[in-house]
Amino acid sequence: MDLGLKGKKAIISGGSKGIGLAIANKLLDEGASVGFFARDRAGVEAASKELSAKGKVTSDALDAGDFEAVKSWVARAAAELGGIDIVVNNASASAQMDWEKDSWQKSFDTDVLSAVAMVDAAKPYLKKSEAPAILQIATITAVEHHDMPISPSYGMVKAAVINFSAQLAQRLGAEGIRSNVVSPGPIYIEGGAWHGIKENAFELYERDRLQHPMERLGSAEEVANVAVFLCSPAASWVNGANVVVDGGFTKMVGY
């Protein structure tokens, strides 16, 4: 299936590893060019080297919680890519595990305000695109309670991101700009959170693994496949959706 992404320009927050990196790889495989940022410079440089073998890539190291820095980066990325067709908001401060004010503020700044900054700065370019799309990477924790090791702020800020996406779908739809969400369940990534849980709290890992009908966790690539489809012209009539990608982990009936 041709997704129609050849020549498209995409920007991604938190694109140096995990789901963000998997999305960047898939977009490049489909013929798009990609701009991404993440906080860790070494990680950005390593990911950029990997991705550049596939196509045009621009990258930078910055904190997603720095609103003005994110907006400035979007303008730079647009100049280097020659425009923007796709915005993927993936950055998250999900490791904030305590109840201190600073942790909650960090989650809000990183998950919510970075998405606001990305969209606001990208809007002029999206309006010029023939197939503009915005995608938020959220979580099933936004709609269903999960015990530890989920941080207390994680579901709350991702619920806000889902609401933000729904507003964008209604407000920008008349201009042809689509807005959707992908909400992953537990995803196993080498070096990621669930890798650490498997190594250090195996009973907890097994508890969640066995809650899946297929008795395994998902992969970043499985999330990326859905994410990239939603960003593509092939999904032109999908707008305002929150697509759960969790292998049946949540038990809600999605009428």
Protein backbone atom coordinates (compact mmCIF):
# COMPACT_ATOMS: atom_id res chain seq x y z
CA MET A 1 0.00 0.00 0.00
CA ASP A 2 1.41 3.36 -1.02
CA LEU A 3 0.90 5.74 1.91
CA GLY A 4 1.62 8.79 -0.25
CA LEU A 5 4.44 10.05 1.99
CA LYS A 6 7.16 10.44 -0.62
CA GLY A 7 8.50 13.99 -0.47
CA LYS A 8 6.61 14.88 2.71
CA LYS A 9 8.40 16.71 5.54
CA ALA A 10 7.85 15.60 9.13
CA ILE A 11 9.01 16.93 12.49
CA ILE A 12 9.13 14.83 15.65
CA SER A 13 9.73 15.72 19.28
CA GLY A 14 11.61 13.11 21.32
CA GLY A 15 12.80 11.40 18.16
CA SER A 16 16.15 9.96 19.23
CA LYS A 17 14.92 6.66 20.70
CA GLY A 18 11.95 4.39 21.33
CA ILE A 19 8.66 5.17 19.60
CA GLY A 20 9.90 8.50 18.25
CA LEU A 21 12.89 6.88 16.58
CA ALA A 22 10.72 4.07 15.19
CA ILE A 23 8.36 6.66 13.67
CA ALA A 24 11.28 8.54 12.14
CA ASN A 25 12.62 5.31 10.60
CA LYS A 26 9.24 4.40 9.16
CA LEU A 27 8.69 7.88 7.70
CA LEU A 28 12.07 7.75 5.99
CA ASP A 29 11.30 4.26 4.68
CA GLU A 30 8.17 5.75 3.09
CA GLY A 31 10.16 8.50 1.36
CA ALA A 32 9.59 11.40 3.75
CA SER A 33 12.29 13.67 5.17
CA VAL A 34 12.48 14.09 8.92
CA GLY A 35 13.46 16.68 11.50
CA PHE A 36 13.63 15.68 15.14
CA PHE A 37 14.93 16.82 18.49
CA ALA A 38 15.57 15.28 21.87
CA ARG A 39 17.29 16.41 25.05
CA ASP A 40 20.40 14.21 25.05
CA ARG A 41 22.94 15.41 22.49
CA ALA A 42 24.79 12.09 22.27
CA GLY A 43 21.52 10.29 21.63
CA VAL A 44 20.52 12.84 18.99
CA GLU A 45 23.83 12.46 17.19
CA ALA A 46 23.64 8.66 17.23
CA ALA A 47 20.05 8.62 15.96
CA SER A 48 20.81 11.22 13.30
CA LYS A 49 23.69 9.12 12.00
CA GLU A 50 21.44 6.05 11.84
CA LEU A 51 18.56 7.85 10.17
CA SER A 52 20.64 9.83 7.67
CA ALA A 53 21.52 6.60 5.90
CA LYS A 54 17.89 6.46 4.77
CA GLY A 55 17.23 10.02 3.65
CA LYS A 56 17.21 13.71 4.54
CA VAL A 57 17.38 14.34 8.28
CA THR A 58 17.85 17.41 10.43
CA SER A 59 18.17 17.25 14.20
CA ASP A 60 19.06 19.20 17.32
CA ALA A 61 19.43 18.74 21.06
CA LEU A 62 17.04 20.75 23.22
CA ASP A 63 14.67 20.39 26.15
CA ALA A 64 11.05 19.86 25.11
CA GLY A 65 10.03 21.76 28.23
CA ASP A 66 11.59 24.98 26.88
CA PHE A 67 8.60 26.50 25.05
CA GLU A 68 10.46 29.20 23.14
CA ALA A 69 13.33 26.89 22.23
CA VAL A 70 10.87 24.41 20.71
CA LYS A 71 9.16 27.12 18.66
CA SER A 72 12.52 28.39 17.39
CA TRP A 73 13.56 24.85 16.47
CA VAL A 74 10.39 24.29 14.44
CA ALA A 75 11.21 27.35 12.33
CA ARG A 76 14.77 26.13 11.79
CA ALA A 77 13.60 22.63 10.88
CA ALA A 78 11.06 24.02 8.42
CA ALA A 79 13.77 26.07 6.74
CA GLU A 80 16.08 23.06 6.45
CA LEU A 81 13.39 20.66 5.26
CA GLY A 82 11.66 23.13 2.94
CA GLY A 83 8.37 23.14 4.85
CA ILE A 84 6.34 20.97 7.21
CA ASP A 85 3.57 18.50 6.36
CA ILE A 86 3.51 16.38 9.51
CA VAL A 87 3.92 17.18 13.20
CA VAL A 88 4.45 14.30 15.66
CA ASN A 89 4.36 15.25 19.34
CA ASN A 90 6.11 12.39 21.11
CA ALA A 91 8.21 13.99 23.87
CA SER A 92 7.30 12.96 27.42
CA ALA A 93 8.59 13.38 30.95
CA SER A 94 7.11 10.02 31.92
CA ALA A 95 9.96 9.20 34.30
CA GLN A 96 8.74 11.75 36.86
CA MET A 97 7.62 9.40 39.64
CA ASP A 98 7.06 11.61 42.70
CA TRP A 99 4.39 14.03 43.91
CA GLU A 100 6.59 17.11 44.14
CA LYS A 101 5.41 20.25 42.36
CA ASP A 102 8.48 20.40 40.15
CA SER A 103 7.81 16.92 38.80
CA TRP A 104 4.24 17.76 37.87
CA GLN A 105 5.36 21.03 36.29
CA LYS A 106 7.99 19.17 34.28
CA SER A 107 5.36 16.74 33.00
CA PHE A 108 3.05 19.59 31.99
CA ASP A 109 5.80 21.57 30.28
CA THR A 110 7.22 18.55 28.44
CA ASP A 111 4.07 16.68 27.43
CA VAL A 112 1.50 19.45 27.00
CA LEU A 113 3.24 22.74 26.35
CA SER A 114 5.78 21.23 23.97
CA ALA A 115 2.85 19.98 21.87
CA VAL A 116 1.31 23.45 21.95
CA ALA A 117 4.63 25.01 20.90
CA MET A 118 5.14 22.49 18.08
CA VAL A 119 1.67 22.99 16.64
CA ASP A 120 1.62 26.77 17.01
CA ALA A 121 4.99 27.19 15.31
CA ALA A 122 4.16 24.67 12.57
CA LYS A 123 0.70 26.03 11.65
CA PRO A 124 1.89 28.47 8.97
CA TYR A 125 3.70 25.65 7.21
CA LEU A 126 0.87 23.13 7.65
CA LYS A 127 -1.53 25.59 6.02
CA LYS A 128 0.64 25.53 2.90
CA SER A 129 0.79 21.72 2.81
CA GLU A 130 -1.35 19.61 0.49
CA ALA A 131 -1.70 16.87 3.12
CA PRO A 132 -1.09 18.31 6.61
CA ALA A 133 -1.38 16.12 9.69
CA ILE A 134 -0.76 16.40 13.43
CA LEU A 135 -0.28 13.38 15.68
CA GLN A 136 -0.03 13.16 19.46
CA ILE A 137 1.55 10.12 21.10
CA ALA A 138 -0.49 9.61 24.28
CA THR A 139 -1.14 6.49 26.40
CA ILE A 140 -3.90 4.15 27.52
CA THR A 141 -3.16 5.45 31.03
CA ALA A 142 -5.06 8.59 30.04
CA VAL A 143 -8.32 6.64 29.97
CA GLU A 144 -7.76 3.73 32.36
CA HIS A 145 -6.13 3.56 35.79
CA HIS A 146 -2.88 1.63 36.13
CA ASP A 147 -0.92 0.92 39.28
CA MET A 148 2.77 1.54 39.73
CA PRO A 149 5.22 1.90 38.02
CA ILE A 150 3.17 4.58 36.23
CA SER A 151 4.01 8.09 37.45
CA PRO A 152 1.06 9.97 39.00
CA SER A 153 1.24 12.83 36.49
CA TYR A 154 1.59 10.73 33.33
CA GLY A 155 -2.05 9.86 32.65
CA MET A 156 -3.23 13.34 33.55
CA VAL A 157 -1.00 15.20 31.11
CA LYS A 158 -1.65 12.68 28.34
CA ALA A 159 -5.41 13.10 28.87
CA ALA A 160 -4.86 16.82 28.30
CA VAL A 161 -2.95 16.05 25.10
CA ILE A 162 -5.84 13.90 23.82
CA ASN A 163 -8.28 16.73 24.51
CA PHE A 164 -5.91 19.17 22.78
CA SER A 165 -5.83 16.93 19.72
CA ALA A 166 -9.64 16.75 19.60
CA GLN A 167 -9.84 20.54 19.73
CA LEU A 168 -7.32 20.84 16.89
CA ALA A 169 -9.32 18.40 14.76
CA GLN A 170 -12.39 20.63 15.04
CA ARG A 171 -10.61 23.99 14.84
CA LEU A 172 -8.21 23.19 11.99
CA GLY A 173 -10.23 20.64 10.06
CA ALA A 174 -11.80 23.32 7.85
CA GLU A 175 -8.28 24.21 6.70
CA GLY A 176 -7.59 20.59 5.78
CA ILE A 177 -5.33 19.94 8.78
CA ARG A 178 -6.06 16.60 10.44
CA SER A 179 -5.30 15.86 14.10
CA ASN A 180 -5.21 12.42 15.69
CA VAL A 181 -3.80 10.49 18.64
CA VAL A 182 -2.10 7.14 19.07
CA SER A 183 -2.39 5.71 22.60
CA PRO A 184 0.04 2.84 23.14
CA GLY A 185 -0.19 0.27 25.91
CA PRO A 186 2.93 -1.24 27.51
CA ILE A 187 5.70 -1.22 24.91
CA TYR A 188 8.94 -3.15 25.31
CA ILE A 189 12.02 -1.27 24.11
CA GLU A 190 15.61 -2.34 24.75
CA GLY A 191 16.96 0.09 27.32
CA GLY A 192 13.48 1.51 27.96
CA ALA A 193 11.20 1.52 30.99
CA TRP A 194 9.76 -1.96 30.49
CA HIS A 195 13.23 -3.38 29.89
CA GLY A 196 14.20 -2.02 33.30
CA ILE A 197 11.06 -3.45 34.89
CA LYS A 198 11.74 -6.86 33.37
CA GLU A 199 15.27 -6.84 34.73
CA ASN A 200 14.48 -5.45 38.20
CA ALA A 201 10.83 -6.28 38.93
CA PHE A 202 10.10 -9.41 36.94
CA GLU A 203 6.84 -10.23 38.77
CA LEU A 204 5.44 -6.85 37.82
CA TYR A 205 6.55 -7.34 34.24
CA GLU A 206 4.89 -10.75 34.10
CA ARG A 207 1.68 -9.39 35.65
CA ASP A 208 1.26 -6.90 32.82
CA ARG A 209 2.49 -9.25 30.09
CA LEU A 210 -0.13 -11.83 31.01
CA GLN A 211 -2.90 -9.21 30.87
CA HIS A 212 -2.41 -9.09 27.11
CA PRO A 213 -4.48 -11.65 25.17
CA MET A 214 -1.33 -12.51 23.17
CA GLU A 215 0.75 -12.62 26.36
CA ARG A 216 3.46 -10.24 25.18
CA LEU A 217 4.22 -6.53 25.18
CA GLY A 218 4.14 -4.47 22.02
CA SER A 219 7.09 -3.04 20.08
CA ALA A 220 7.95 0.49 19.05
CA GLU A 221 7.67 -0.58 15.42
CA GLU A 222 4.09 -1.77 15.92
CA VAL A 223 3.16 1.66 17.27
CA ALA A 224 5.07 3.40 14.48
CA ASN A 225 3.18 1.47 11.80
CA VAL A 226 -0.12 2.89 13.05
CA ALA A 227 1.30 6.35 13.71
CA VAL A 228 2.76 6.74 10.24
CA PHE A 229 -0.45 5.54 8.59
CA LEU A 230 -2.44 8.15 10.52
CA CYS A 231 -0.01 10.85 9.39
CA SER A 232 -0.26 9.80 5.76
CA PRO A 233 -2.64 10.86 2.96
CA ALA A 234 -3.88 7.24 3.02
CA ALA A 235 -5.69 8.18 6.27
CA SER A 236 -7.22 11.33 4.78
CA TRP A 237 -10.67 10.70 6.33
CA VAL A 238 -9.38 9.98 9.84
CA ASN A 239 -9.62 13.11 11.97
CA GLY A 240 -10.18 13.54 15.71
CA ALA A 241 -9.48 9.87 16.47
CA ASN A 242 -7.69 8.35 19.44
CA VAL A 243 -6.35 5.01 18.19
CA VAL A 244 -5.42 2.57 20.95
CA VAL A 245 -2.43 0.34 20.11
CA ASP A 246 -2.15 -2.07 23.02
CA GLY A 247 -2.78 -5.64 21.82
CA GLY A 248 -6.03 -5.79 23.80
CA PHE A 249 -4.47 -4.78 27.14
CA THR A 250 -7.32 -2.43 27.99
CA LYS A 251 -10.69 -4.11 28.39
CA MET A 252 -12.98 -1.20 27.53
CA VAL A 253 -15.47 -1.72 24.69
CA GLY A 254 -14.87 0.99 22.12
CA TYR A 255 -18.33 1.78 20.82
